[in-house]
């Protein structure tokens, strides 16, 4: 059984990541932060990672899987923006 401190800490992290993800989403909708940009992908990676960890701390495995996959997808997308583009990709 998680301690009260763990529950409170997890709730705080959940609120923080919700604010981070919602802010990134709102900035994207307002066209101030493109979804293909590194800041948006980084916000998703950080938010999903924090959510995954806080879900793990409280033992809520469905969210661990969901947020883990979300974080992995965000990481792959972020890494792809860091790799040099091939000639074929530049023509797109």
N, C-alpha and C. Protein backbone atom coordinates (compact mmCIF):
# COMPACT_ATOMS: atom_id res chain seq x y z
N UNK A 1 0.85 -1.19 0.00
CA UNK A 1 0.00 0.00 0.00
C UNK A 1 0.89 1.24 0.00
N UNK A 2 0.65 2.16 -0.95
CA UNK A 2 1.46 3.38 -1.00
C UNK A 2 1.25 4.25 0.24
N UNK A 3 2.30 4.94 0.61
CA UNK A 3 2.21 5.84 1.75
C UNK A 3 1.46 7.11 1.34
N UNK A 4 1.05 7.87 2.34
CA UNK A 4 0.38 9.14 2.08
C UNK A 4 1.29 10.07 1.30
N UNK A 5 2.57 10.09 1.64
CA UNK A 5 3.52 10.95 0.94
C UNK A 5 3.62 10.57 -0.53
N UNK A 6 3.61 9.27 -0.82
CA UNK A 6 3.68 8.82 -2.21
C UNK A 6 2.42 9.24 -2.97
N UNK A 7 1.29 9.10 -2.34
CA UNK A 7 0.03 9.49 -2.99
C UNK A 7 -0.02 10.99 -3.26
N UNK A 8 0.39 11.77 -2.29
CA UNK A 8 0.40 13.22 -2.46
C UNK A 8 1.41 13.62 -3.53
N UNK A 9 2.59 13.03 -3.49
CA UNK A 9 3.61 13.31 -4.49
C UNK A 9 3.16 12.92 -5.88
N UNK A 10 2.52 11.77 -5.99
CA UNK A 10 2.02 11.31 -7.29
C UNK A 10 0.93 12.24 -7.82
N UNK A 11 0.06 12.69 -6.93
CA UNK A 11 -0.99 13.62 -7.34
C UNK A 11 -0.37 14.93 -7.83
N UNK A 12 0.66 15.40 -7.14
CA UNK A 12 1.34 16.63 -7.56
C UNK A 12 1.99 16.48 -8.92
N UNK A 13 2.65 15.36 -9.14
CA UNK A 13 3.28 15.11 -10.44
C UNK A 13 2.22 15.00 -11.52
N UNK A 14 1.12 14.34 -11.21
CA UNK A 14 0.03 14.20 -12.19
C UNK A 14 -0.52 15.58 -12.57
N UNK A 15 -0.70 16.45 -11.61
CA UNK A 15 -1.18 17.79 -11.92
C UNK A 15 -0.17 18.59 -12.74
N UNK A 16 1.10 18.42 -12.41
CA UNK A 16 2.15 19.11 -13.15
C UNK A 16 2.19 18.64 -14.60
N UNK A 17 2.16 17.34 -14.81
CA UNK A 17 2.23 16.84 -16.17
C UNK A 17 0.97 17.18 -16.95
N UNK A 18 -0.17 17.19 -16.29
CA UNK A 18 -1.40 17.59 -16.96
C UNK A 18 -1.29 19.02 -17.45
N UNK A 19 -0.76 19.90 -16.61
CA UNK A 19 -0.57 21.29 -17.01
C UNK A 19 0.42 21.38 -18.17
N UNK A 20 1.50 20.61 -18.11
CA UNK A 20 2.52 20.61 -19.16
C UNK A 20 1.93 20.14 -20.49
N UNK A 21 1.22 19.01 -20.45
CA UNK A 21 0.65 18.47 -21.67
C UNK A 21 -0.45 19.36 -22.22
N UNK A 22 -1.28 19.89 -21.35
CA UNK A 22 -2.36 20.77 -21.81
C UNK A 22 -1.80 22.08 -22.37
N UNK A 23 -0.77 22.61 -21.74
CA UNK A 23 -0.15 23.83 -22.25
C UNK A 23 0.44 23.59 -23.64
N UNK A 24 1.14 22.46 -23.81
CA UNK A 24 1.70 22.13 -25.13
C UNK A 24 0.59 21.97 -26.15
N UNK A 25 -0.49 21.30 -25.76
CA UNK A 25 -1.62 21.09 -26.68
C UNK A 25 -2.26 22.43 -27.05
N UNK A 26 -2.49 23.28 -26.07
CA UNK A 26 -3.11 24.59 -26.35
C UNK A 26 -2.20 25.46 -27.23
N UNK A 27 -0.91 25.43 -26.97
CA UNK A 27 0.02 26.19 -27.81
C UNK A 27 0.04 25.64 -29.23
N UNK A 28 -0.12 24.34 -29.36
CA UNK A 28 -0.18 23.74 -30.69
C UNK A 28 -1.46 24.17 -31.41
N UNK A 29 -2.57 24.13 -30.73
CA UNK A 29 -3.86 24.54 -31.32
C UNK A 29 -3.80 26.01 -31.74
N UNK A 30 -3.14 26.83 -30.95
CA UNK A 30 -3.00 28.27 -31.25
C UNK A 30 -1.91 28.53 -32.29
N UNK A 31 -1.31 27.47 -32.80
CA UNK A 31 -0.25 27.55 -33.81
C UNK A 31 1.00 28.28 -33.30
N UNK A 32 1.22 28.21 -32.00
CA UNK A 32 2.40 28.82 -31.40
C UNK A 32 3.50 27.79 -31.12
N UNK A 33 3.12 26.51 -31.17
CA UNK A 33 4.07 25.43 -30.94
C UNK A 33 3.72 24.29 -31.90
N UNK A 34 4.45 24.16 -33.00
CA UNK A 34 4.09 23.11 -33.97
C UNK A 34 4.31 21.71 -33.40
N UNK A 35 3.42 20.80 -33.74
CA UNK A 35 3.50 19.43 -33.26
C UNK A 35 4.76 18.73 -33.75
N UNK A 36 5.30 19.17 -34.88
CA UNK A 36 6.52 18.55 -35.42
C UNK A 36 7.79 19.17 -34.81
N UNK A 37 7.62 20.13 -33.92
CA UNK A 37 8.78 20.80 -33.33
C UNK A 37 9.30 20.07 -32.10
N UNK A 38 10.56 20.29 -31.83
CA UNK A 38 11.20 19.63 -30.68
C UNK A 38 10.59 20.03 -29.34
N UNK A 39 10.23 21.30 -29.11
CA UNK A 39 9.64 21.64 -27.81
C UNK A 39 8.35 20.87 -27.52
N UNK A 40 7.50 20.70 -28.53
CA UNK A 40 6.25 19.97 -28.35
C UNK A 40 6.54 18.49 -28.03
N UNK A 41 7.46 17.91 -28.78
CA UNK A 41 7.80 16.51 -28.55
C UNK A 41 8.45 16.32 -27.18
N UNK A 42 9.28 17.27 -26.79
CA UNK A 42 9.93 17.20 -25.48
C UNK A 42 8.90 17.33 -24.36
N UNK A 43 7.93 18.23 -24.52
CA UNK A 43 6.86 18.37 -23.53
C UNK A 43 6.08 17.07 -23.40
N UNK A 44 5.79 16.43 -24.53
CA UNK A 44 5.08 15.15 -24.49
C UNK A 44 5.92 14.07 -23.83
N UNK A 45 7.21 14.04 -24.15
CA UNK A 45 8.09 13.04 -23.55
C UNK A 45 8.18 13.23 -22.04
N UNK A 46 8.39 14.46 -21.60
CA UNK A 46 8.49 14.72 -20.16
C UNK A 46 7.17 14.44 -19.44
N UNK A 47 6.08 14.93 -20.02
CA UNK A 47 4.78 14.71 -19.39
C UNK A 47 4.42 13.24 -19.29
N UNK A 48 4.61 12.51 -20.38
CA UNK A 48 4.28 11.09 -20.38
C UNK A 48 5.20 10.31 -19.43
N UNK A 49 6.47 10.70 -19.39
CA UNK A 49 7.40 10.01 -18.49
C UNK A 49 7.03 10.23 -17.03
N UNK A 50 6.70 11.46 -16.68
CA UNK A 50 6.28 11.74 -15.31
C UNK A 50 4.99 11.00 -14.96
N UNK A 51 4.05 10.98 -15.90
CA UNK A 51 2.79 10.28 -15.66
C UNK A 51 3.02 8.78 -15.51
N UNK A 52 3.90 8.24 -16.32
CA UNK A 52 4.23 6.82 -16.24
C UNK A 52 4.82 6.49 -14.87
N UNK A 53 5.77 7.31 -14.45
CA UNK A 53 6.43 7.07 -13.16
C UNK A 53 5.45 7.23 -11.99
N UNK A 54 4.63 8.27 -12.03
CA UNK A 54 3.69 8.46 -10.92
C UNK A 54 2.65 7.34 -10.91
N UNK A 55 2.24 6.86 -12.08
CA UNK A 55 1.30 5.73 -12.13
C UNK A 55 1.94 4.46 -11.59
N UNK A 56 3.23 4.29 -11.89
CA UNK A 56 3.97 3.15 -11.36
C UNK A 56 4.03 3.21 -9.83
N UNK A 57 4.28 4.42 -9.30
CA UNK A 57 4.37 4.56 -7.84
C UNK A 57 3.08 4.17 -7.13
N UNK A 58 1.96 4.46 -7.75
CA UNK A 58 0.69 4.11 -7.10
C UNK A 58 0.16 2.76 -7.56
N UNK A 59 0.92 2.09 -8.44
CA UNK A 59 0.55 0.74 -8.86
C UNK A 59 -0.60 0.68 -9.83
N UNK A 60 -0.82 1.70 -10.63
CA UNK A 60 -1.92 1.71 -11.60
C UNK A 60 -1.37 1.34 -12.97
N UNK A 61 -1.28 0.04 -13.22
CA UNK A 61 -0.60 -0.49 -14.39
C UNK A 61 -1.22 -0.07 -15.74
N UNK A 62 -2.54 0.08 -15.87
CA UNK A 62 -3.05 0.51 -17.18
C UNK A 62 -2.44 1.85 -17.62
N UNK A 63 -2.28 2.78 -16.70
CA UNK A 63 -1.68 4.07 -17.05
C UNK A 63 -0.17 3.96 -17.24
N UNK A 64 0.47 3.02 -16.56
CA UNK A 64 1.89 2.80 -16.77
C UNK A 64 2.11 2.41 -18.24
N UNK A 65 1.28 1.49 -18.73
CA UNK A 65 1.39 1.05 -20.12
C UNK A 65 1.05 2.20 -21.07
N UNK A 66 -0.06 2.87 -20.83
CA UNK A 66 -0.48 3.97 -21.70
C UNK A 66 0.58 5.06 -21.78
N UNK A 67 1.01 5.53 -20.64
CA UNK A 67 1.99 6.63 -20.61
C UNK A 67 3.37 6.16 -21.07
N UNK A 68 3.69 4.90 -20.82
CA UNK A 68 4.95 4.36 -21.31
C UNK A 68 5.01 4.34 -22.83
N UNK A 69 3.92 3.91 -23.44
CA UNK A 69 3.85 3.90 -24.91
C UNK A 69 3.88 5.33 -25.44
N UNK A 70 3.12 6.23 -24.81
CA UNK A 70 3.10 7.64 -25.22
C UNK A 70 4.51 8.23 -25.16
N UNK A 71 5.20 7.95 -24.07
CA UNK A 71 6.56 8.45 -23.91
C UNK A 71 7.51 7.86 -24.95
N UNK A 72 7.35 6.57 -25.23
CA UNK A 72 8.22 5.92 -26.22
C UNK A 72 8.00 6.52 -27.61
N UNK A 73 6.75 6.76 -27.96
CA UNK A 73 6.44 7.37 -29.26
C UNK A 73 7.03 8.78 -29.33
N UNK A 74 6.88 9.54 -28.26
CA UNK A 74 7.44 10.89 -28.22
C UNK A 74 8.97 10.86 -28.32
N UNK A 75 9.59 9.89 -27.67
CA UNK A 75 11.05 9.76 -27.73
C UNK A 75 11.52 9.44 -29.14
N UNK A 76 10.85 8.50 -29.79
CA UNK A 76 11.21 8.15 -31.17
C UNK A 76 11.06 9.36 -32.08
N UNK A 77 9.95 10.09 -31.93
CA UNK A 77 9.73 11.28 -32.76
C UNK A 77 10.81 12.33 -32.50
N UNK A 78 11.17 12.52 -31.25
CA UNK A 78 12.20 13.49 -30.90
C UNK A 78 13.56 13.09 -31.47
N UNK A 79 13.91 11.82 -31.33
CA UNK A 79 15.18 11.33 -31.86
C UNK A 79 15.22 11.51 -33.38
N UNK A 80 14.10 11.27 -34.04
CA UNK A 80 14.06 11.42 -35.50
C UNK A 80 14.35 12.86 -35.92
N UNK A 81 13.97 13.82 -35.09
CA UNK A 81 14.25 15.22 -35.45
C UNK A 81 15.72 15.56 -35.24
N UNK A 82 16.42 14.76 -34.45
CA UNK A 82 17.83 15.01 -34.16
C UNK A 82 18.77 14.35 -35.17
N UNK A 83 18.27 13.34 -35.87
CA UNK A 83 19.09 12.63 -36.84
C UNK A 83 19.19 13.42 -38.13
N UNK A 84 20.32 13.31 -38.81
CA UNK A 84 20.44 13.99 -40.10
C UNK A 84 19.44 13.40 -41.09
N UNK A 85 18.85 14.27 -41.88
CA UNK A 85 17.84 13.84 -42.86
C UNK A 85 18.53 13.35 -44.12
N UNK A 86 17.94 12.33 -44.75
CA UNK A 86 18.48 11.82 -46.00
C UNK A 86 18.04 12.73 -47.16
N UNK A 87 18.66 12.56 -48.30
CA UNK A 87 18.30 13.36 -49.49
C UNK A 87 16.84 13.14 -49.86
N UNK A 88 16.35 11.91 -49.72
CA UNK A 88 14.97 11.60 -50.08
C UNK A 88 13.99 12.35 -49.17
N UNK A 89 14.33 12.43 -47.88
CA UNK A 89 13.47 13.13 -46.93
C UNK A 89 13.44 14.63 -47.18
N UNK A 90 14.55 15.19 -47.62
CA UNK A 90 14.63 16.63 -47.87
C UNK A 90 13.73 17.06 -49.00
N UNK A 91 13.46 16.16 -49.95
CA UNK A 91 12.61 16.50 -51.08
C UNK A 91 11.14 16.49 -50.77
N UNK A 92 10.77 16.03 -49.60
CA UNK A 92 9.33 15.94 -49.24
C UNK A 92 8.80 17.26 -48.81
